[in-house]
Amino acid sequence: MALIELDGIERVFTLGDSQVHALQDVRLRIEAGEYLSVMGPSGSGKSTLLNLLGLLDRPNAGHYRLEGRDVTTLSADEQARVRRERIGFVFQSFHLVPRLSAAENIALPLMLAGLPSAERHARVARALADFGLETRADHRPDQLSGGQRQRVAIARATIMQPAMLLADEPTGNLDRATGQEVTRLLEELNGRGVTLIVVTHDPAMGERARRCLRMEDGRIVGDLQQAPADPAATPDAGR
């Protein structure tokens, strides 16, 4: 059974008197544990596709099956639960809560899921250690470097042990060395079995994935299998 199956997905936005077909007849199958990049020019539908995969948006037509379940038919509350338990998000701008410490940001999904305090603390402590953040546990986001903030974001995204991780330009706000570090962390998670889907404009990062989707005008126009990434070769990051 595939992790993700999209069948005839359409997404249309109304802007004034006109309609924009952001996604058109998208059909896609992704197996558990895959590492995909999604590339294409601005306005090609990359972010819309990522939002749909992450249950942040609903299609106008078609079906989305996640782990064999048609999630397009779920209520908003049911989708929120699936999103919380099975999907992790990493964004270019981190999306950390400014007033919370690194540890508290990482713990947020556990609190929303209602996990007991002892288990929350144990999981957060393990995540802080895994991501090299033990000495930054009590620091707020404005007291962290860009790389540290992205590590906190990745730790938060994976604290619920999701089936897939969706990353939208995860190195876009980082310098080259920090971008390499973040890429390595994401690829290590994929190596442990997490399905990794990365939207990027960076050809070097896109070519690291074992499968590359190319989008134009809301359609998938290319689906290329690629050689596994060379761990010694890391992409440039930052602009």
C-alpha atoms as a PDB file:
ATOM      1  CA  MET A   1       0.000   0.000   0.000  1.00  0.00           C
ATOM      2  CA  ALA A   2       1.382   3.405  -0.972  1.00  0.00           C
ATOM      3  CA  LEU A   3       1.770   6.087   1.684  1.00  0.00           C
ATOM      4  CA  ILE A   4       0.242   8.747  -0.601  1.00  0.00           C
ATOM      5  CA  GLU A   5      -2.113   8.383  -3.562  1.00  0.00           C
ATOM      6  CA  LEU A   6      -3.478  11.402  -5.403  1.00  0.00           C
ATOM      7  CA  ASP A   7      -6.107  10.768  -8.059  1.00  0.00           C
ATOM      8  CA  GLY A   8      -7.391  13.562 -10.294  1.00  0.00           C
ATOM      9  CA  ILE A   9      -6.650  16.365  -7.822  1.00  0.00           C
ATOM     10  CA  GLU A  10      -7.901  19.810  -8.866  1.00  0.00           C
ATOM     11  CA  ARG A  11      -7.489  23.067  -6.956  1.00  0.00           C
ATOM     12  CA  VAL A  12      -9.076  26.238  -8.260  1.00  0.00           C
ATOM     13  CA  PHE A  13      -8.832  29.705  -6.700  1.00  0.00           C
ATOM     14  CA  THR A  14     -11.217  32.511  -7.573  1.00  0.00           C
ATOM     15  CA  LEU A  15      -9.560  35.913  -7.934  1.00  0.00           C
ATOM     16  CA  GLY A  16     -12.133  38.565  -8.723  1.00  0.00           C
ATOM     17  CA  ASP A  17     -13.860  37.537 -11.949  1.00  0.00           C
ATOM     18  CA  SER A  18     -11.210  35.011 -12.936  1.00  0.00           C
ATOM     19  CA  GLN A  19     -10.310  31.500 -11.853  1.00  0.00           C
ATOM     20  CA  VAL A  20      -6.774  30.228 -11.316  1.00  0.00           C
ATOM     21  CA  HIS A  21      -6.233  26.485 -11.761  1.00  0.00           C
ATOM     22  CA  ALA A  22      -3.461  25.985  -9.234  1.00  0.00           C
ATOM     23  CA  LEU A  23      -3.533  22.179  -9.616  1.00  0.00           C
ATOM     24  CA  GLN A  24      -4.873  20.324 -12.644  1.00  0.00           C
ATOM     25  CA  ASP A  25      -5.553  16.568 -12.748  1.00  0.00           C
ATOM     26  CA  VAL A  26      -2.651  15.720 -10.448  1.00  0.00           C
ATOM     27  CA  ARG A  27      -2.054  11.981 -10.140  1.00  0.00           C
ATOM     28  CA  LEU A  28       0.738  10.813  -7.874  1.00  0.00           C
ATOM     29  CA  ARG A  29       1.819   7.773  -5.888  1.00  0.00           C
ATOM     30  CA  ILE A  30       4.478   7.988  -3.176  1.00  0.00           C
ATOM     31  CA  GLU A  31       5.757   4.981  -1.270  1.00  0.00           C
ATOM     32  CA  ALA A  32       6.670   5.088   2.408  1.00  0.00           C
ATOM     33  CA  GLY A  33      10.284   6.125   2.983  1.00  0.00           C
ATOM     34  CA  GLU A  34      10.765   7.947  -0.324  1.00  0.00           C
ATOM     35  CA  TYR A  35      12.794  11.161  -0.667  1.00  0.00           C
ATOM     36  CA  LEU A  36      11.262  13.549  -3.207  1.00  0.00           C
ATOM     37  CA  SER A  37      11.969  17.070  -4.323  1.00  0.00           C
ATOM     38  CA  VAL A  38       9.300  19.216  -5.965  1.00  0.00           C
ATOM     39  CA  MET A  39      10.621  21.861  -8.365  1.00  0.00           C
ATOM     40  CA  GLY A  40       9.255  24.337 -10.867  1.00  0.00           C
ATOM     41  CA  PRO A  41       8.892  28.076 -11.473  1.00  0.00           C
ATOM     42  CA  SER A  42       6.958  30.383  -9.157  1.00  0.00           C
ATOM     43  CA  GLY A  43       3.226  29.836  -9.607  1.00  0.00           C
ATOM     44  CA  SER A  44       3.643  26.273 -10.864  1.00  0.00           C
ATOM     45  CA  GLY A  45       1.636  24.773  -7.988  1.00  0.00           C
ATOM     46  CA  LYS A  46       4.440  23.509  -5.744  1.00  0.00           C
ATOM     47  CA  SER A  47       3.250  25.158  -2.533  1.00  0.00           C
ATOM     48  CA  THR A  48      -0.395  24.372  -3.290  1.00  0.00           C
ATOM     49  CA  LEU A  49       0.541  20.707  -3.686  1.00  0.00           C
ATOM     50  CA  LEU A  50       2.459  20.777  -0.400  1.00  0.00           C
ATOM     51  CA  ASN A  51      -0.482  22.405   1.402  1.00  0.00           C
ATOM     52  CA  LEU A  52      -2.826  19.721   0.100  1.00  0.00           C
ATOM     53  CA  LEU A  53      -0.450  16.926   1.114  1.00  0.00           C
ATOM     54  CA  GLY A  54      -0.229  18.498   4.558  1.00  0.00           C
ATOM     55  CA  LEU A  55      -4.033  18.821   4.887  1.00  0.00           C
ATOM     56  CA  LEU A  56      -3.740  22.598   5.144  1.00  0.00           C
ATOM     57  CA  ASP A  57      -6.035  22.922   2.122  1.00  0.00           C
ATOM     58  CA  ARG A  58      -8.721  20.864   0.388  1.00  0.00           C
ATOM     59  CA  PRO A  59      -8.979  20.054  -3.325  1.00  0.00           C
ATOM     60  CA  ASN A  60     -11.987  21.074  -5.396  1.00  0.00           C
ATOM     61  CA  ALA A  61     -12.028  17.632  -7.007  1.00  0.00           C
ATOM     62  CA  GLY A  62     -10.218  14.328  -6.808  1.00  0.00           C
ATOM     63  CA  HIS A  63      -9.151  12.048  -3.976  1.00  0.00           C
ATOM     64  CA  TYR A  64      -6.183  12.028  -1.595  1.00  0.00           C
ATOM     65  CA  ARG A  65      -5.470   8.759   0.192  1.00  0.00           C
ATOM     66  CA  LEU A  66      -2.975   8.781   3.039  1.00  0.00           C
ATOM     67  CA  GLU A  67      -1.978   5.355   4.349  1.00  0.00           C
ATOM     68  CA  GLY A  68      -4.963   3.939   2.478  1.00  0.00           C
ATOM     69  CA  ARG A  69      -7.496   6.357   3.985  1.00  0.00           C
ATOM     70  CA  ASP A  70      -9.340   8.914   1.856  1.00  0.00           C
ATOM     71  CA  VAL A  71      -8.538  12.015   3.888  1.00  0.00           C
ATOM     72  CA  THR A  72     -10.461  14.333   1.528  1.00  0.00           C
ATOM     73  CA  THR A  73     -13.684  13.046   3.083  1.00  0.00           C
ATOM     74  CA  LEU A  74     -12.679  13.798   6.689  1.00  0.00           C
ATOM     75  CA  SER A  75     -14.083  16.624   8.773  1.00  0.00           C
ATOM     76  CA  ALA A  76     -11.855  19.562   9.697  1.00  0.00           C
ATOM     77  CA  ASP A  77     -11.322  18.129  13.189  1.00  0.00           C
ATOM     78  CA  GLU A  78     -10.444  14.696  11.814  1.00  0.00           C
ATOM     79  CA  GLN A  79      -8.004  16.240   9.344  1.00  0.00           C
ATOM     80  CA  ALA A  80      -6.409  18.230  12.168  1.00  0.00           C
ATOM     81  CA  ARG A  81      -5.841  15.032  14.117  1.00  0.00           C
ATOM     82  CA  VAL A  82      -4.244  13.268  11.125  1.00  0.00           C
ATOM     83  CA  ARG A  83      -2.104  16.341  10.470  1.00  0.00           C
ATOM     84  CA  ARG A  84      -0.962  16.463  14.099  1.00  0.00           C
ATOM     85  CA  GLU A  85      -0.159  12.745  14.369  1.00  0.00           C
ATOM     86  CA  ARG A  86       1.104  11.758  10.895  1.00  0.00           C
ATOM     87  CA  ILE A  87       2.536  14.875   9.196  1.00  0.00           C
ATOM     88  CA  GLY A  88       5.471  17.113  10.107  1.00  0.00           C
ATOM     89  CA  PHE A  89       6.150  20.554   8.591  1.00  0.00           C
ATOM     90  CA  VAL A  90       9.390  22.491   8.156  1.00  0.00           C
ATOM     91  CA  PHE A  91       9.106  26.018   6.745  1.00  0.00           C
ATOM     92  CA  GLN A  92      11.604  28.521   5.392  1.00  0.00           C
ATOM     93  CA  SER A  93      10.665  31.051   8.093  1.00  0.00           C
ATOM     94  CA  PHE A  94      10.648  28.510  10.971  1.00  0.00           C
ATOM     95  CA  HIS A  95       7.173  29.479  12.381  1.00  0.00           C
ATOM     96  CA  LEU A  96       8.296  29.175  16.003  1.00  0.00           C
ATOM     97  CA  VAL A  97       6.240  30.782  18.792  1.00  0.00           C
ATOM     98  CA  PRO A  98       8.311  33.839  19.820  1.00  0.00           C
ATOM     99  CA  ARG A  99       7.432  33.839  23.522  1.00  0.00           C
ATOM    100  CA  LEU A 100       8.180  30.137  24.051  1.00  0.00           C
ATOM    101  CA  SER A 101      11.575  28.572  24.697  1.00  0.00           C
ATOM    102  CA  ALA A 102      13.129  26.022  22.354  1.00  0.00           C
ATOM    103  CA  ALA A 103      11.975  23.190  24.624  1.00  0.00           C
ATOM    104  CA  GLU A 104       8.441  24.605  24.838  1.00  0.00           C
ATOM    105  CA  ASN A 105       8.226  25.003  21.051  1.00  0.00           C
ATOM    106  CA  ILE A 106       9.293  21.388  20.570  1.00  0.00           C
ATOM    107  CA  ALA A 107       6.739  20.245  23.160  1.00  0.00           C
ATOM    108  CA  LEU A 108       3.769  21.983  21.501  1.00  0.00           C
ATOM    109  CA  PRO A 109       2.571  19.004  19.374  1.00  0.00           C
ATOM    110  CA  LEU A 110       2.800  16.733  22.430  1.00  0.00           C
ATOM    111  CA  MET A 111       0.680  19.127  24.474  1.00  0.00           C
ATOM    112  CA  LEU A 112      -1.910  19.369  21.699  1.00  0.00           C
ATOM    113  CA  ALA A 113      -2.031  15.570  21.569  1.00  0.00           C
ATOM    114  CA  GLY A 114      -2.634  15.420  25.326  1.00  0.00           C
ATOM    115  CA  LEU A 115       0.436  13.355  26.228  1.00  0.00           C
ATOM    116  CA  PRO A 116       1.210  13.105  29.962  1.00  0.00           C
ATOM    117  CA  SER A 117       3.762  15.551  31.344  1.00  0.00           C
ATOM    118  CA  ALA A 118       6.380  12.901  32.144  1.00  0.00           C
ATOM    119  CA  GLU A 119       6.306  11.510  28.618  1.00  0.00           C
ATOM    120  CA  ARG A 120       6.443  15.032  27.137  1.00  0.00           C
ATOM    121  CA  HIS A 121       9.516  15.909  29.156  1.00  0.00           C
ATOM    122  CA  ALA A 122      11.251  12.647  28.251  1.00  0.00           C
ATOM    123  CA  ARG A 123      10.578  13.060  24.532  1.00  0.00           C
ATOM    124  CA  VAL A 124      11.632  16.718  24.491  1.00  0.00           C
ATOM    125  CA  ALA A 125      14.849  15.946  26.381  1.00  0.00           C
ATOM    126  CA  ARG A 126      15.667  13.227  23.851  1.00  0.00           C
ATOM    127  CA  ALA A 127      14.925  15.559  20.932  1.00  0.00           C
ATOM    128  CA  LEU A 128      17.076  18.344  22.391  1.00  0.00           C
ATOM    129  CA  ALA A 129      19.950  15.865  22.675  1.00  0.00           C
ATOM    130  CA  ASP A 130      19.400  14.400  19.198  1.00  0.00           C
ATOM    131  CA  PHE A 131      19.491  17.857  17.588  1.00  0.00           C
ATOM    132  CA  GLY A 132      22.347  19.264  19.661  1.00  0.00           C
ATOM    133  CA  LEU A 133      20.156  21.796  21.455  1.00  0.00           C
ATOM    134  CA  GLU A 134      20.635  20.837  25.117  1.00  0.00           C
ATOM    135  CA  THR A 135      22.348  24.128  25.947  1.00  0.00           C
ATOM    136  CA  ARG A 136      19.646  26.118  24.136  1.00  0.00           C
ATOM    137  CA  ALA A 137      16.576  24.522  25.741  1.00  0.00           C
ATOM    138  CA  ASP A 138      15.564  27.663  27.642  1.00  0.00           C
ATOM    139  CA  HIS A 139      16.363  30.144  24.862  1.00  0.00           C
ATOM    140  CA  ARG A 140      13.582  31.914  22.964  1.00  0.00           C
ATOM    141  CA  PRO A 141      13.738  32.015  19.135  1.00  0.00           C
ATOM    142  CA  ASP A 142      15.190  35.558  19.108  1.00  0.00           C
ATOM    143  CA  GLN A 143      18.107  34.229  21.178  1.00  0.00           C
ATOM    144  CA  LEU A 144      18.923  31.490  18.646  1.00  0.00           C
ATOM    145  CA  SER A 145      20.827  31.502  15.366  1.00  0.00           C
ATOM    146  CA  GLY A 146      19.036  30.679  12.117  1.00  0.00           C
ATOM    147  CA  GLY A 147      20.413  27.151  12.130  1.00  0.00           C
ATOM    148  CA  GLN A 148      19.376  26.600  15.730  1.00  0.00           C
ATOM    149  CA  ARG A 149      15.873  27.869  14.999  1.00  0.00           C
ATOM    150  CA  GLN A 150      15.576  25.478  12.050  1.00  0.00           C
ATOM    151  CA  ARG A 151      16.807  22.598  14.214  1.00  0.00           C
ATOM    152  CA  VAL A 152      14.123  23.471  16.779  1.00  0.00           C
ATOM    153  CA  ALA A 153      11.558  23.536  13.956  1.00  0.00           C
ATOM    154  CA  ILE A 154      12.676  20.112  12.681  1.00  0.00           C
ATOM    155  CA  ALA A 155      12.637  18.676  16.207  1.00  0.00           C
ATOM    156  CA  ARG A 156       9.093  20.009  16.684  1.00  0.00           C
ATOM    157  CA  ALA A 157       8.038  18.617  13.287  1.00  0.00           C
ATOM    158  CA  THR A 158       9.273  15.117  14.128  1.00  0.00           C
ATOM    159  CA  ILE A 159       8.474  14.883  17.858  1.00  0.00           C
ATOM    160  CA  MET A 160       5.222  12.994  17.085  1.00  0.00           C
ATOM    161  CA  GLN A 161       7.133  10.524  14.868  1.00  0.00           C
ATOM    162  CA  PRO A 162       5.152  11.406  11.718  1.00  0.00           C
ATOM    163  CA  ALA A 163       4.908   9.236   8.629  1.00  0.00           C
ATOM    164  CA  MET A 164       6.069  12.098   6.417  1.00  0.00           C
ATOM    165  CA  LEU A 165       7.934  15.370   6.652  1.00  0.00           C
ATOM    166  CA  LEU A 166       7.012  18.251   4.322  1.00  0.00           C
ATOM    167  CA  ALA A 167       9.746  20.866   3.923  1.00  0.00           C
ATOM    168  CA  ASP A 168       9.089  24.159   2.099  1.00  0.00           C
ATOM    169  CA  GLU A 169      12.398  25.820   1.098  1.00  0.00           C
ATOM    170  CA  PRO A 170      13.978  24.596   4.372  1.00  0.00           C
ATOM    171  CA  THR A 171      17.391  26.171   3.650  1.00  0.00           C
ATOM    172  CA  GLY A 172      16.123  29.347   1.963  1.00  0.00           C
ATOM    173  CA  ASN A 173      16.889  31.658   4.910  1.00  0.00           C
ATOM    174  CA  LEU A 174      20.184  30.036   5.878  1.00  0.00           C
ATOM    175  CA  ASP A 175      23.807  30.551   4.920  1.00  0.00           C
ATOM    176  CA  ARG A 176      25.621  27.843   3.007  1.00  0.00           C
ATOM    177  CA  ALA A 177      27.188  26.001   5.952  1.00  0.00           C
ATOM    178  CA  THR A 178      23.997  26.074   8.019  1.00  0.00           C
ATOM    179  CA  GLY A 179      21.959  24.972   5.009  1.00  0.00           C
ATOM    180  CA  GLN A 180      24.253  21.979   4.623  1.00  0.00           C
ATOM    181  CA  GLU A 181      23.733  21.067   8.271  1.00  0.00           C
ATOM    182  CA  VAL A 182      19.936  21.283   7.949  1.00  0.00           C
ATOM    183  CA  THR A 183      19.999  19.207   4.753  1.00  0.00           C
ATOM    184  CA  ARG A 184      22.057  16.550   6.535  1.00  0.00           C
ATOM    185  CA  LEU A 185      19.537  16.430   9.405  1.00  0.00           C
ATOM    186  CA  LEU A 186      16.603  16.033   7.022  1.00  0.00           C
ATOM    187  CA  GLU A 187      18.372  13.279   5.083  1.00  0.00           C
ATOM    188  CA  GLU A 188      19.258  11.458   8.308  1.00  0.00           C
ATOM    189  CA  LEU A 189      15.571  11.449   9.231  1.00  0.00           C
ATOM    190  CA  ASN A 190      14.736  10.063   5.795  1.00  0.00           C
ATOM    191  CA  GLY A 191      17.386   7.410   6.332  1.00  0.00           C
ATOM    192  CA  ARG A 192      15.464   6.316   9.432  1.00  0.00           C
ATOM    193  CA  GLY A 193      12.330   5.781   7.360  1.00  0.00           C
ATOM    194  CA  VAL A 194      10.534   9.146   7.390  1.00  0.00           C
ATOM    195  CA  THR A 195       9.114  10.028   3.964  1.00  0.00           C
ATOM    196  CA  LEU A 196      10.705  13.362   2.989  1.00  0.00           C
ATOM    197  CA  ILE A 197       9.117  15.764   0.477  1.00  0.00           C
ATOM    198  CA  VAL A 198      11.036  18.992  -0.175  1.00  0.00           C
ATOM    199  CA  VAL A 199       9.826  21.976  -2.199  1.00  0.00           C
ATOM    200  CA  THR A 200      12.845  23.939  -3.387  1.00  0.00           C
ATOM    201  CA  HIS A 201      14.058  26.414  -6.016  1.00  0.00           C
ATOM    202  CA  ASP A 202      17.646  25.286  -5.427  1.00  0.00           C
ATOM    203  CA  PRO A 203      18.750  22.842  -8.175  1.00  0.00           C
ATOM    204  CA  ALA A 204      21.556  21.486  -5.982  1.00  0.00           C
ATOM    205  CA  MET A 205      19.123  20.542  -3.245  1.00  0.00           C
ATOM    206  CA  GLY A 206      16.524  19.255  -5.697  1.00  0.00           C
ATOM    207  CA  GLU A 207      19.059  16.931  -7.274  1.00  0.00           C
ATOM    208  CA  ARG A 208      19.873  15.337  -3.918  1.00  0.00           C
ATOM    209  CA  ALA A 209      16.465  13.658  -3.714  1.00  0.00           C
ATOM    210  CA  ARG A 210      16.092  10.160  -5.141  1.00  0.00           C
ATOM    211  CA  ARG A 211      13.014  11.317  -7.049  1.00  0.00           C
ATOM    212  CA  CYS A 212      12.313  14.740  -8.517  1.00  0.00           C
ATOM    213  CA  LEU A 213       8.886  16.030  -9.527  1.00  0.00           C
ATOM    214  CA  ARG A 214       8.778  19.017 -11.881  1.00  0.00           C
ATOM    215  CA  MET A 215       5.688  21.177 -12.050  1.00  0.00           C
ATOM    216  CA  GLU A 216       4.388  23.718 -14.546  1.00  0.00           C
ATOM    217  CA  ASP A 217       0.999  25.437 -14.626  1.00  0.00           C
ATOM    218  CA  GLY A 218      -0.454  23.222 -11.915  1.00  0.00           C
ATOM    219  CA  ARG A 219       0.569  19.949 -13.545  1.00  0.00           C
ATOM    220  CA  ILE A 220       3.304  17.404 -12.880  1.00  0.00           C
ATOM    221  CA  VAL A 221       5.307  17.502 -16.120  1.00  0.00           C
ATOM    222  CA  GLY A 222       8.255  15.413 -14.976  1.00  0.00           C
ATOM    223  CA  ASP A 223       8.819  12.536 -12.568  1.00  0.00           C
ATOM    224  CA  LEU A 224      12.491  11.566 -12.559  1.00  0.00           C
ATOM    225  CA  GLN A 225      14.214   8.861 -10.548  1.00  0.00           C
ATOM    226  CA  GLN A 226      17.680  10.018  -9.516  1.00  0.00           C
ATOM    227  CA  ALA A 227      20.807   8.453  -8.069  1.00  0.00           C
ATOM    228  CA  PRO A 228      20.962   8.586  -4.251  1.00  0.00           C
ATOM    229  CA  ALA A 229      22.499  11.765  -2.843  1.00  0.00           C
ATOM    230  CA  ASP A 230      26.219  11.697  -2.121  1.00  0.00           C
ATOM    231  CA  PRO A 231      26.543  12.484   1.609  1.00  0.00           C
ATOM    232  CA  ALA A 232      29.857  14.219   0.934  1.00  0.00           C
ATOM    233  CA  ALA A 233      28.274  16.653  -1.538  1.00  0.00           C
ATOM    234  CA  THR A 234      26.071  19.224   0.136  1.00  0.00           C
ATOM    235  CA  PRO A 235      24.079  21.961  -1.555  1.00  0.00           C
ATOM    236  CA  ASP A 236      24.653  25.659  -1.407  1.00  0.00           C
ATOM    237  CA  ALA A 237      22.104  27.490   0.699  1.00  0.00           C
ATOM    238  CA  GLY A 238      21.034  31.062   1.179  1.00  0.00           C
ATOM    239  CA  ARG A 239      20.493  33.665  -1.482  1.00  0.00           C
END
